[in-house]
Amino acid sequence: MRSGRVAGLAAALFGLFSALAMPSAEAKPSPQAQLDKLTKQAADLQKAYRGEIQSLEDTRRAAAKAGDRVRKLRSDLATAERRVAQFYAQSYMSGSIDGPRVLTFSGDPDTILSQVATVTYLADEKNQRITSIGRLIDEQKAAKKQADKKIADLKDEIKDLQSKKRQVEELLKKFGFQTPDAGSGLTPRMISIRNVIMQRFPMPFGVGCMRPGDPGEHGKGRACDFMMSTGGRMPDAASQARGDALAQWCIQNGRQIGIMYIIWRQRYYDIRTGAGWRQMSDRGGVTANHYDHVHVSVF
């Protein structure tokens, strides 16, 4: 009899917390389903644009990260709900003395002192667990709201890029498609632009181009990194100014000579879209965030 009531109590508590945490069923697709669909659209766009679209990839990653946080919080909440249900079930099964019974207890003093300590502990434990449940519910709601916003941003980004496909197709037609040569692994256009840049701008820290196995432009022979420092250090003022000048030269001449996009100081400029400088998400370091080199990709 008691075990049946305990099971009912646990189920009721679990259902209560789940109802508080989860929104009512909606007809629209789940965030993950939406993200999967948008990810495919993003891949199709990058293929149509014939290269990486940094703004699109950054937005997609942000949406995926927000979705991961929602799933993590949902899992944490389910675990916390089970523990609260188990806590109540164990307290009920143990028959621990409660507050009113303490006031009317007439047995051994040592027993009542022990039970009072137990009541205090159980009350504190209960309050902590209930507080944790409430916090997780609030965090999950906030995370869900953020995930919805990131998905909306991704939809807007894709819509904007789709509207510019005709312009991009004209650029692609203008510059055609080049394959890397057998020697350097770079396309003729990348070799030409690299040489022009090195003639115009001193490169005391070197230039890195071909990167075998890289899934992006470096692996295709269509990108070079023009270093402004070495060892992952921030460049000094003179080197930063040189990087700024190089980036500006690429922007001014990109459409004429076939530059596709540049990345410099955690920002990217896509010649194809003409959207201007866009902030890049933090990738965790000086080099990863392109503070020590100007990345140049070509058509």
C-alpha atoms as a PDB file:
ATOM      1  CA  MET A   1       0.000   0.000   0.000  1.00  0.00           C
ATOM      2  CA  ARG A   2       2.742   2.404   1.034  1.00  0.00           C
ATOM      3  CA  SER A   3       4.889   1.589  -2.038  1.00  0.00           C
ATOM      4  CA  GLY A   4       1.937   2.369  -4.324  1.00  0.00           C
ATOM      5  CA  ARG A   5       1.393   5.744  -2.672  1.00  0.00           C
ATOM      6  CA  VAL A   6       5.132   6.478  -2.940  1.00  0.00           C
ATOM      7  CA  ALA A   7       5.104   5.708  -6.669  1.00  0.00           C
ATOM      8  CA  GLY A   8       2.081   7.948  -7.101  1.00  0.00           C
ATOM      9  CA  LEU A   9       3.771  10.767  -5.182  1.00  0.00           C
ATOM     10  CA  ALA A  10       6.928  10.518  -7.311  1.00  0.00           C
ATOM     11  CA  ALA A  11       4.936  10.493 -10.533  1.00  0.00           C
ATOM     12  CA  ALA A  12       2.874  13.481  -9.448  1.00  0.00           C
ATOM     13  CA  LEU A  13       5.956  15.512  -8.528  1.00  0.00           C
ATOM     14  CA  PHE A  14       7.679  14.653 -11.800  1.00  0.00           C
ATOM     15  CA  GLY A  15       4.597  15.629 -13.769  1.00  0.00           C
ATOM     16  CA  LEU A  16       4.246  18.902 -11.870  1.00  0.00           C
ATOM     17  CA  PHE A  17       7.819  20.016 -12.521  1.00  0.00           C
ATOM     18  CA  SER A  18       7.657  18.928 -16.152  1.00  0.00           C
ATOM     19  CA  ALA A  19       4.480  20.953 -16.665  1.00  0.00           C
ATOM     20  CA  LEU A  20       6.169  24.013 -15.171  1.00  0.00           C
ATOM     21  CA  ALA A  21       9.315  23.636 -17.258  1.00  0.00           C
ATOM     22  CA  MET A  22       8.018  22.670 -20.675  1.00  0.00           C
ATOM     23  CA  PRO A  23       5.858  24.824 -22.952  1.00  0.00           C
ATOM     24  CA  SER A  24       2.637  23.418 -24.317  1.00  0.00           C
ATOM     25  CA  ALA A  25       2.819  21.432 -27.522  1.00  0.00           C
ATOM     26  CA  GLU A  26       3.096  23.594 -30.614  1.00  0.00           C
ATOM     27  CA  ALA A  27       2.444  22.835 -34.241  1.00  0.00           C
ATOM     28  CA  LYS A  28       5.664  24.427 -35.496  1.00  0.00           C
ATOM     29  CA  PRO A  29       8.777  22.233 -35.987  1.00  0.00           C
ATOM     30  CA  SER A  30      11.166  21.720 -33.091  1.00  0.00           C
ATOM     31  CA  PRO A  31      14.209  24.021 -32.881  1.00  0.00           C
ATOM     32  CA  GLN A  32      16.460  21.120 -33.892  1.00  0.00           C
ATOM     33  CA  ALA A  33      14.309  20.339 -36.935  1.00  0.00           C
ATOM     34  CA  GLN A  34      14.427  23.999 -37.943  1.00  0.00           C
ATOM     35  CA  LEU A  35      18.197  24.108 -37.443  1.00  0.00           C
ATOM     36  CA  ASP A  36      18.686  20.945 -39.531  1.00  0.00           C
ATOM     37  CA  LYS A  37      16.672  22.463 -42.377  1.00  0.00           C
ATOM     38  CA  LEU A  38      18.523  25.786 -42.172  1.00  0.00           C
ATOM     39  CA  THR A  39      21.896  24.022 -42.034  1.00  0.00           C
ATOM     40  CA  LYS A  40      21.110  22.309 -45.332  1.00  0.00           C
ATOM     41  CA  GLN A  41      20.063  25.633 -46.864  1.00  0.00           C
ATOM     42  CA  ALA A  42      23.299  27.175 -45.591  1.00  0.00           C
ATOM     43  CA  ALA A  43      25.349  24.366 -47.161  1.00  0.00           C
ATOM     44  CA  ASP A  44      23.527  24.853 -50.466  1.00  0.00           C
ATOM     45  CA  LEU A  45      24.264  28.580 -50.352  1.00  0.00           C
ATOM     46  CA  GLN A  46      27.964  28.062 -49.650  1.00  0.00           C
ATOM     47  CA  LYS A  47      28.073  25.715 -52.617  1.00  0.00           C
ATOM     48  CA  ALA A  48      26.301  28.280 -54.798  1.00  0.00           C
ATOM     49  CA  TYR A  49      28.637  31.031 -53.560  1.00  0.00           C
ATOM     50  CA  ARG A  50      31.552  28.687 -54.320  1.00  0.00           C
ATOM     51  CA  GLY A  51      33.236  29.175 -50.978  1.00  0.00           C
ATOM     52  CA  GLU A  52      32.808  29.737 -47.270  1.00  0.00           C
ATOM     53  CA  ILE A  53      30.431  32.482 -46.128  1.00  0.00           C
ATOM     54  CA  GLN A  54      31.836  33.504 -42.767  1.00  0.00           C
ATOM     55  CA  SER A  55      28.824  35.485 -41.604  1.00  0.00           C
ATOM     56  CA  LEU A  56      26.529  32.566 -42.395  1.00  0.00           C
ATOM     57  CA  GLU A  57      28.767  30.017 -40.702  1.00  0.00           C
ATOM     58  CA  ASP A  58      29.103  32.187 -37.591  1.00  0.00           C
ATOM     59  CA  THR A  59      25.333  32.586 -37.340  1.00  0.00           C
ATOM     60  CA  ARG A  60      24.790  28.851 -37.845  1.00  0.00           C
ATOM     61  CA  ARG A  61      27.302  27.993 -35.123  1.00  0.00           C
ATOM     62  CA  ALA A  62      25.645  30.418 -32.705  1.00  0.00           C
ATOM     63  CA  ALA A  63      22.250  28.829 -33.362  1.00  0.00           C
ATOM     64  CA  ALA A  64      23.671  25.324 -32.877  1.00  0.00           C
ATOM     65  CA  LYS A  65      25.403  26.348 -29.639  1.00  0.00           C
ATOM     66  CA  ALA A  66      22.187  27.865 -28.291  1.00  0.00           C
ATOM     67  CA  GLY A  67      20.315  24.665 -29.154  1.00  0.00           C
ATOM     68  CA  ASP A  68      22.932  22.562 -27.362  1.00  0.00           C
ATOM     69  CA  ARG A  69      22.475  24.668 -24.228  1.00  0.00           C
ATOM     70  CA  VAL A  70      18.706  24.134 -24.295  1.00  0.00           C
ATOM     71  CA  ARG A  71      19.189  20.365 -24.529  1.00  0.00           C
ATOM     72  CA  LYS A  72      21.767  20.384 -21.720  1.00  0.00           C
ATOM     73  CA  LEU A  73      19.478  22.352 -19.404  1.00  0.00           C
ATOM     74  CA  ARG A  74      16.552  20.097 -20.284  1.00  0.00           C
ATOM     75  CA  SER A  75      18.635  17.068 -19.286  1.00  0.00           C
ATOM     76  CA  ASP A  76      19.778  18.751 -16.049  1.00  0.00           C
ATOM     77  CA  LEU A  77      16.187  19.620 -15.205  1.00  0.00           C
ATOM     78  CA  ALA A  78      14.981  16.066 -15.770  1.00  0.00           C
ATOM     79  CA  THR A  79      17.748  14.777 -13.472  1.00  0.00           C
ATOM     80  CA  ALA A  80      16.849  17.322 -10.774  1.00  0.00           C
ATOM     81  CA  GLU A  81      13.157  16.382 -11.021  1.00  0.00           C
ATOM     82  CA  ARG A  82      13.949  12.699 -10.523  1.00  0.00           C
ATOM     83  CA  ARG A  83      16.102  13.463  -7.490  1.00  0.00           C
ATOM     84  CA  VAL A  84      13.385  15.548  -5.858  1.00  0.00           C
ATOM     85  CA  ALA A  85      10.847  12.793  -6.449  1.00  0.00           C
ATOM     86  CA  GLN A  86      13.260  10.231  -4.972  1.00  0.00           C
ATOM     87  CA  PHE A  87      13.926  12.504  -2.004  1.00  0.00           C
ATOM     88  CA  TYR A  88      10.234  12.754  -1.160  1.00  0.00           C
ATOM     89  CA  ALA A  89       9.744   9.051  -1.680  1.00  0.00           C
ATOM     90  CA  GLN A  90      12.635   8.161   0.624  1.00  0.00           C
ATOM     91  CA  SER A  91      11.449  10.610   3.287  1.00  0.00           C
ATOM     92  CA  TYR A  92       7.976   9.077   3.173  1.00  0.00           C
ATOM     93  CA  MET A  93       9.265   5.499   3.340  1.00  0.00           C
ATOM     94  CA  SER A  94      11.584   6.256   6.267  1.00  0.00           C
ATOM     95  CA  GLY A  95       8.679   7.618   8.314  1.00  0.00           C
ATOM     96  CA  SER A  96      10.817  10.490   9.592  1.00  0.00           C
ATOM     97  CA  ILE A  97       9.119  12.570  12.243  1.00  0.00           C
ATOM     98  CA  ASP A  98       7.676  15.868  10.946  1.00  0.00           C
ATOM     99  CA  GLY A  99       7.198  19.243  12.652  1.00  0.00           C
ATOM    100  CA  PRO A 100       3.762  18.672  14.270  1.00  0.00           C
ATOM    101  CA  ARG A 101       4.807  15.272  15.595  1.00  0.00           C
ATOM    102  CA  VAL A 102       7.886  16.809  17.215  1.00  0.00           C
ATOM    103  CA  LEU A 103       5.652  19.133  19.250  1.00  0.00           C
ATOM    104  CA  THR A 104       3.506  16.283  20.548  1.00  0.00           C
ATOM    105  CA  PHE A 105       6.227  13.672  20.981  1.00  0.00           C
ATOM    106  CA  SER A 106       6.478  12.301  24.548  1.00  0.00           C
ATOM    107  CA  GLY A 107       9.131   9.607  24.180  1.00  0.00           C
ATOM    108  CA  ASP A 108      12.857   9.430  24.878  1.00  0.00           C
ATOM    109  CA  PRO A 109      14.584  12.896  24.750  1.00  0.00           C
ATOM    110  CA  ASP A 110      17.561  11.550  22.769  1.00  0.00           C
ATOM    111  CA  THR A 111      15.174  10.201  20.140  1.00  0.00           C
ATOM    112  CA  ILE A 112      13.345  13.481  19.761  1.00  0.00           C
ATOM    113  CA  LEU A 113      16.615  15.439  19.477  1.00  0.00           C
ATOM    114  CA  SER A 114      17.754  13.090  16.744  1.00  0.00           C
ATOM    115  CA  GLN A 115      14.439  13.468  14.939  1.00  0.00           C
ATOM    116  CA  VAL A 116      14.543  17.275  15.226  1.00  0.00           C
ATOM    117  CA  ALA A 117      17.981  17.269  13.602  1.00  0.00           C
ATOM    118  CA  THR A 118      16.617  15.041  10.860  1.00  0.00           C
ATOM    119  CA  VAL A 119      13.650  17.357  10.259  1.00  0.00           C
ATOM    120  CA  THR A 120      15.978  20.374  10.003  1.00  0.00           C
ATOM    121  CA  TYR A 121      18.279  18.581   7.571  1.00  0.00           C
ATOM    122  CA  LEU A 122      15.395  17.361   5.423  1.00  0.00           C
ATOM    123  CA  ALA A 123      13.820  20.820   5.301  1.00  0.00           C
ATOM    124  CA  ASP A 124      17.106  22.410   4.199  1.00  0.00           C
ATOM    125  CA  GLU A 125      17.686  19.690   1.629  1.00  0.00           C
ATOM    126  CA  LYS A 126      14.154  20.052   0.275  1.00  0.00           C
ATOM    127  CA  ASN A 127      14.475  23.826  -0.019  1.00  0.00           C
ATOM    128  CA  GLN A 128      17.811  23.564  -1.837  1.00  0.00           C
ATOM    129  CA  ARG A 129      16.444  21.066  -4.319  1.00  0.00           C
ATOM    130  CA  ILE A 130      13.269  23.038  -4.967  1.00  0.00           C
ATOM    131  CA  THR A 131      15.341  26.201  -5.451  1.00  0.00           C
ATOM    132  CA  SER A 132      17.566  24.333  -7.909  1.00  0.00           C
ATOM    133  CA  ILE A 133      14.487  23.201  -9.864  1.00  0.00           C
ATOM    134  CA  GLY A 134      13.197  26.769 -10.088  1.00  0.00           C
ATOM    135  CA  ARG A 135      16.547  28.081 -11.255  1.00  0.00           C
ATOM    136  CA  LEU A 136      16.835  25.417 -13.941  1.00  0.00           C
ATOM    137  CA  ILE A 137      13.304  26.182 -15.168  1.00  0.00           C
ATOM    138  CA  ASP A 138      14.170  29.881 -15.480  1.00  0.00           C
ATOM    139  CA  GLU A 139      17.483  29.136 -17.203  1.00  0.00           C
ATOM    140  CA  GLN A 140      15.817  26.768 -19.653  1.00  0.00           C
ATOM    141  CA  LYS A 141      13.161  29.327 -20.580  1.00  0.00           C
ATOM    142  CA  ALA A 142      15.849  31.974 -21.144  1.00  0.00           C
ATOM    143  CA  ALA A 143      17.954  29.572 -23.193  1.00  0.00           C
ATOM    144  CA  LYS A 144      14.948  28.598 -25.303  1.00  0.00           C
ATOM    145  CA  LYS A 145      14.258  32.273 -25.990  1.00  0.00           C
ATOM    146  CA  GLN A 146      17.882  32.825 -27.013  1.00  0.00           C
ATOM    147  CA  ALA A 147      17.853  29.734 -29.244  1.00  0.00           C
ATOM    148  CA  ASP A 148      14.713  30.974 -30.989  1.00  0.00           C
ATOM    149  CA  LYS A 149      16.432  34.342 -31.567  1.00  0.00           C
ATOM    150  CA  LYS A 150      19.528  32.678 -33.043  1.00  0.00           C
ATOM    151  CA  ILE A 151      17.405  30.575 -35.380  1.00  0.00           C
ATOM    152  CA  ALA A 152      15.549  33.715 -36.474  1.00  0.00           C
ATOM    153  CA  ASP A 153      18.929  35.389 -37.136  1.00  0.00           C
ATOM    154  CA  LEU A 154      19.995  32.412 -39.251  1.00  0.00           C
ATOM    155  CA  LYS A 155      16.763  32.585 -41.263  1.00  0.00           C
ATOM    156  CA  ASP A 156      17.336  36.295 -41.911  1.00  0.00           C
ATOM    157  CA  GLU A 157      20.964  35.685 -42.920  1.00  0.00           C
ATOM    158  CA  ILE A 158      19.959  32.959 -45.376  1.00  0.00           C
ATOM    159  CA  LYS A 159      17.153  35.104 -46.826  1.00  0.00           C
ATOM    160  CA  ASP A 160      19.545  38.014 -47.352  1.00  0.00           C
ATOM    161  CA  LEU A 161      22.167  35.820 -49.022  1.00  0.00           C
ATOM    162  CA  GLN A 162      19.563  34.158 -51.253  1.00  0.00           C
ATOM    163  CA  SER A 163      18.482  37.594 -52.458  1.00  0.00           C
ATOM    164  CA  LYS A 164      22.067  38.299 -53.603  1.00  0.00           C
ATOM    165  CA  LYS A 165      22.651  35.057 -55.497  1.00  0.00           C
ATOM    166  CA  ARG A 166      22.247  36.688 -58.916  1.00  0.00           C
ATOM    167  CA  GLN A 167      24.926  39.278 -58.137  1.00  0.00           C
ATOM    168  CA  VAL A 168      27.251  36.546 -56.904  1.00  0.00           C
ATOM    169  CA  GLU A 169      26.612  34.446 -60.013  1.00  0.00           C
ATOM    170  CA  GLU A 170      27.715  37.394 -62.137  1.00  0.00           C
ATOM    171  CA  LEU A 171      30.963  37.644 -60.167  1.00  0.00           C
ATOM    172  CA  LEU A 172      31.552  33.906 -60.458  1.00  0.00           C
ATOM    173  CA  LYS A 173      30.942  34.092 -64.207  1.00  0.00           C
ATOM    174  CA  LYS A 174      33.385  36.991 -64.483  1.00  0.00           C
ATOM    175  CA  PHE A 175      36.238  35.151 -62.788  1.00  0.00           C
ATOM    176  CA  GLY A 176      35.425  31.595 -63.819  1.00  0.00           C
ATOM    177  CA  PHE A 177      36.744  28.552 -61.992  1.00  0.00           C
ATOM    178  CA  GLN A 178      40.436  27.767 -61.534  1.00  0.00           C
ATOM    179  CA  THR A 179      42.148  24.607 -60.348  1.00  0.00           C
ATOM    180  CA  PRO A 180      45.404  24.588 -58.354  1.00  0.00           C
ATOM    181  CA  ASP A 181      48.654  23.933 -60.174  1.00  0.00           C
ATOM    182  CA  ALA A 182      50.638  20.817 -59.410  1.00  0.00           C
ATOM    183  CA  GLY A 183      53.642  22.690 -58.032  1.00  0.00           C
ATOM    184  CA  SER A 184      52.481  25.153 -55.380  1.00  0.00           C
ATOM    185  CA  GLY A 185      48.980  23.772 -54.904  1.00  0.00           C
ATOM    186  CA  LEU A 186      47.626  27.304 -55.426  1.00  0.00           C
ATOM    187  CA  THR A 187      45.347  28.570 -58.174  1.00  0.00           C
ATOM    188  CA  PRO A 188      46.860  30.989 -60.716  1.00  0.00           C
ATOM    189  CA  ARG A 189      44.648  33.774 -59.324  1.00  0.00           C
ATOM    190  CA  MET A 190      45.877  33.213 -55.766  1.00  0.00           C
ATOM    191  CA  ILE A 191      49.502  33.193 -56.927  1.00  0.00           C
ATOM    192  CA  SER A 192      48.985  36.440 -58.854  1.00  0.00           C
ATOM    193  CA  ILE A 193      47.232  38.232 -55.978  1.00  0.00           C
ATOM    194  CA  ARG A 194      49.784  36.980 -53.451  1.00  0.00           C
ATOM    195  CA  ASN A 195      52.625  38.338 -55.600  1.00  0.00           C
ATOM    196  CA  VAL A 196      50.955  41.722 -56.065  1.00  0.00           C
ATOM    197  CA  ILE A 197      50.330  42.056 -52.314  1.00  0.00           C
ATOM    198  CA  MET A 198      53.920  41.101 -51.468  1.00  0.00           C
ATOM    199  CA  GLN A 199      55.205  43.720 -53.911  1.00  0.00           C
ATOM    200  CA  ARG A 200      53.060  46.442 -52.363  1.00  0.00           C
ATOM    201  CA  PHE A 201      53.384  45.496 -48.688  1.00  0.00           C
ATOM    202  CA  PRO A 202      56.527  44.277 -46.886  1.00  0.00           C
ATOM    203  CA  MET A 203      56.028  40.869 -45.266  1.00  0.00           C
ATOM    204  CA  PRO A 204      58.719  40.461 -42.607  1.00  0.00           C
ATOM    205  CA  PHE A 205      56.768  37.690 -40.874  1.00  0.00           C
ATOM    206  CA  GLY A 206      56.024  35.607 -43.951  1.00  0.00           C
ATOM    207  CA  VAL A 207      52.989  34.334 -45.842  1.00  0.00           C
ATOM    208  CA  GLY A 208      51.217  30.988 -45.393  1.00  0.00           C
ATOM    209  CA  CYS A 209      48.990  29.624 -48.149  1.00  0.00           C
ATOM    210  CA  MET A 210      48.467  25.977 -49.016  1.00  0.00           C
ATOM    211  CA  ARG A 211      47.279  23.789 -46.133  1.00  0.00           C
ATOM    212  CA  PRO A 212      46.688  20.181 -47.267  1.00  0.00           C
ATOM    213  CA  GLY A 213      43.592  18.605 -45.751  1.00  0.00           C
ATOM    214  CA  ASP A 214      42.044  21.935 -44.747  1.00  0.00           C
ATOM    215  CA  PRO A 215      38.305  21.848 -45.592  1.00  0.00           C
ATOM    216  CA  GLY A 216      38.218  25.566 -46.362  1.00  0.00           C
ATOM    217  CA  GLU A 217      39.904  27.798 -48.918  1.00  0.00           C
ATOM    218  CA  HIS A 218      43.441  26.966 -47.751  1.00  0.00           C
ATOM    219  CA  GLY A 219      42.921  23.341 -48.730  1.00  0.00           C
ATOM    220  CA  LYS A 220      41.640  24.389 -52.163  1.00  0.00           C
ATOM    221  CA  GLY A 221      44.643  26.594 -52.898  1.00  0.00           C
ATOM    222  CA  ARG A 222      42.510  29.737 -52.824  1.00  0.00           C
ATOM    223  CA  ALA A 223      43.646  31.453 -49.604  1.00  0.00           C
ATOM    224  CA  CYS A 224      46.776  32.972 -48.071  1.00  0.00           C
ATOM    225  CA  ASP A 225      47.528  34.328 -44.592  1.00  0.00           C
ATOM    226  CA  PHE A 226      49.679  37.470 -44.602  1.00  0.00           C
ATOM    227  CA  MET A 227      51.349  37.454 -41.181  1.00  0.00           C
ATOM    228  CA  MET A 228      51.670  40.624 -39.108  1.00  0.00           C
ATOM    229  CA  SER A 229      53.484  38.924 -36.188  1.00  0.00           C
ATOM    230  CA  THR A 230      54.784  35.506 -35.178  1.00  0.00           C
ATOM    231  CA  GLY A 231      54.274  33.098 -32.298  1.00  0.00           C
ATOM    232  CA  GLY A 232      50.624  33.952 -31.802  1.00  0.00           C
ATOM    233  CA  ARG A 233      51.485  37.420 -30.490  1.00  0.00           C
ATOM    234  CA  MET A 234      49.494  40.585 -31.083  1.00  0.00           C
ATOM    235  CA  PRO A 235      51.210  42.755 -33.729  1.00  0.00           C
ATOM    236  CA  ASP A 236      52.813  46.037 -32.738  1.00  0.00           C
ATOM    237  CA  ALA A 237      51.344  49.363 -33.848  1.00  0.00           C
ATOM    238  CA  ALA A 238      53.321  49.522 -37.111  1.00  0.00           C
ATOM    239  CA  SER A 239      52.400  45.964 -38.087  1.00  0.00           C
ATOM    240  CA  GLN A 240      48.738  46.518 -37.233  1.00  0.00           C
ATOM    241  CA  ALA A 241      48.730  49.637 -39.414  1.00  0.00           C
ATOM    242  CA  ARG A 242      50.248  47.587 -42.241  1.00  0.00           C
ATOM    243  CA  GLY A 243      47.507  44.985 -41.800  1.00  0.00           C
ATOM    244  CA  ASP A 244      44.849  47.704 -41.855  1.00  0.00           C
ATOM    245  CA  ALA A 245      46.320  49.118 -45.074  1.00  0.00           C
ATOM    246  CA  LEU A 246      46.440  45.678 -46.684  1.00  0.00           C
ATOM    247  CA  ALA A 247      42.833  44.931 -45.731  1.00  0.00           C
ATOM    248  CA  GLN A 248      41.672  48.266 -47.137  1.00  0.00           C
ATOM    249  CA  TRP A 249      43.581  47.696 -50.378  1.00  0.00           C
ATOM    250  CA  CYS A 250      41.872  44.306 -50.744  1.00  0.00           C
ATOM    251  CA  ILE A 251      38.453  45.882 -50.230  1.00  0.00           C
ATOM    252  CA  GLN A 252      39.107  48.613 -52.787  1.00  0.00           C
ATOM    253  CA  ASN A 253      40.470  46.248 -55.441  1.00  0.00           C
ATOM    254  CA  GLY A 254      38.701  42.994 -54.625  1.00  0.00           C
ATOM    255  CA  ARG A 255      36.022  43.099 -57.302  1.00  0.00           C
ATOM    256  CA  GLN A 256      38.536  43.955 -60.010  1.00  0.00           C
ATOM    257  CA  ILE A 257      41.158  41.301 -59.250  1.00  0.00           C
ATOM    258  CA  GLY A 258      39.021  38.460 -57.872  1.00  0.00           C
ATOM    259  CA  ILE A 259      39.245  38.580 -54.065  1.00  0.00           C
ATOM    260  CA  MET A 260      36.306  36.770 -52.489  1.00  0.00           C
ATOM    261  CA  TYR A 261      36.613  37.762 -48.820  1.00  0.00           C
ATOM    262  CA  ILE A 262      39.143  38.850 -46.192  1.00  0.00           C
ATOM    263  CA  ILE A 263      39.404  38.328 -42.440  1.00  0.00           C
ATOM    264  CA  TRP A 264      41.348  40.641 -40.124  1.00  0.00           C
ATOM    265  CA  ARG A 265      41.152  41.443 -36.415  1.00  0.00           C
ATOM    266  CA  GLN A 266      38.133  39.213 -35.688  1.00  0.00           C
ATOM    267  CA  ARG A 267      36.129  40.768 -38.538  1.00  0.00           C
ATOM    268  CA  TYR A 268      35.365  39.614 -42.050  1.00  0.00           C
ATOM    269  CA  TYR A 269      34.564  41.492 -45.222  1.00  0.00           C
ATOM    270  CA  ASP A 270      32.793  39.546 -47.969  1.00  0.00           C
ATOM    271  CA  ILE A 271      33.334  41.071 -51.414  1.00  0.00           C
ATOM    272  CA  ARG A 272      30.504  38.912 -52.805  1.00  0.00           C
ATOM    273  CA  THR A 273      27.792  40.352 -50.562  1.00  0.00           C
ATOM    274  CA  GLY A 274      29.144  43.878 -50.132  1.00  0.00           C
ATOM    275  CA  ALA A 275      27.792  43.877 -46.585  1.00  0.00           C
ATOM    276  CA  GLY A 276      30.788  45.691 -45.096  1.00  0.00           C
ATOM    277  CA  TRP A 277      32.797  44.599 -42.068  1.00  0.00           C
ATOM    278  CA  ARG A 278      31.064  42.020 -39.891  1.00  0.00           C
ATOM    279  CA  GLN A 279      32.181  40.961 -36.424  1.00  0.00           C
ATOM    280  CA  MET A 280      33.367  37.380 -36.159  1.00  0.00           C
ATOM    281  CA  SER A 281      32.553  35.200 -33.149  1.00  0.00           C
ATOM    282  CA  ASP A 282      35.358  34.588 -30.660  1.00  0.00           C
ATOM    283  CA  ARG A 283      37.320  31.503 -31.684  1.00  0.00           C
ATOM    284  CA  GLY A 284      39.600  31.476 -28.684  1.00  0.00           C
ATOM    285  CA  GLY A 285      42.959  33.041 -29.522  1.00  0.00           C
ATOM    286  CA  VAL A 286      45.029  35.668 -31.300  1.00  0.00           C
ATOM    287  CA  THR A 287      45.652  33.524 -34.377  1.00  0.00           C
ATOM    288  CA  ALA A 288      42.204  31.907 -34.485  1.00  0.00           C
ATOM    289  CA  ASN A 289      40.626  35.363 -34.313  1.00  0.00           C
ATOM    290  CA  HIS A 290      42.934  36.659 -37.084  1.00  0.00           C
ATOM    291  CA  TYR A 291      44.629  39.377 -35.036  1.00  0.00           C
ATOM    292  CA  ASP A 292      48.101  38.350 -36.208  1.00  0.00           C
ATOM    293  CA  HIS A 293      47.384  37.896 -39.930  1.00  0.00           C
ATOM    294  CA  VAL A 294      45.202  39.092 -42.788  1.00  0.00           C
ATOM    295  CA  HIS A 295      43.405  36.173 -44.432  1.00  0.00           C
ATOM    296  CA  VAL A 296      42.675  36.635 -48.136  1.00  0.00           C
ATOM    297  CA  SER A 297      40.492  34.198 -50.118  1.00  0.00           C
ATOM    298  CA  VAL A 298      39.998  34.455 -53.884  1.00  0.00           C
ATOM    299  CA  PHE A 299      37.388  33.265 -56.381  1.00  0.00           C
END
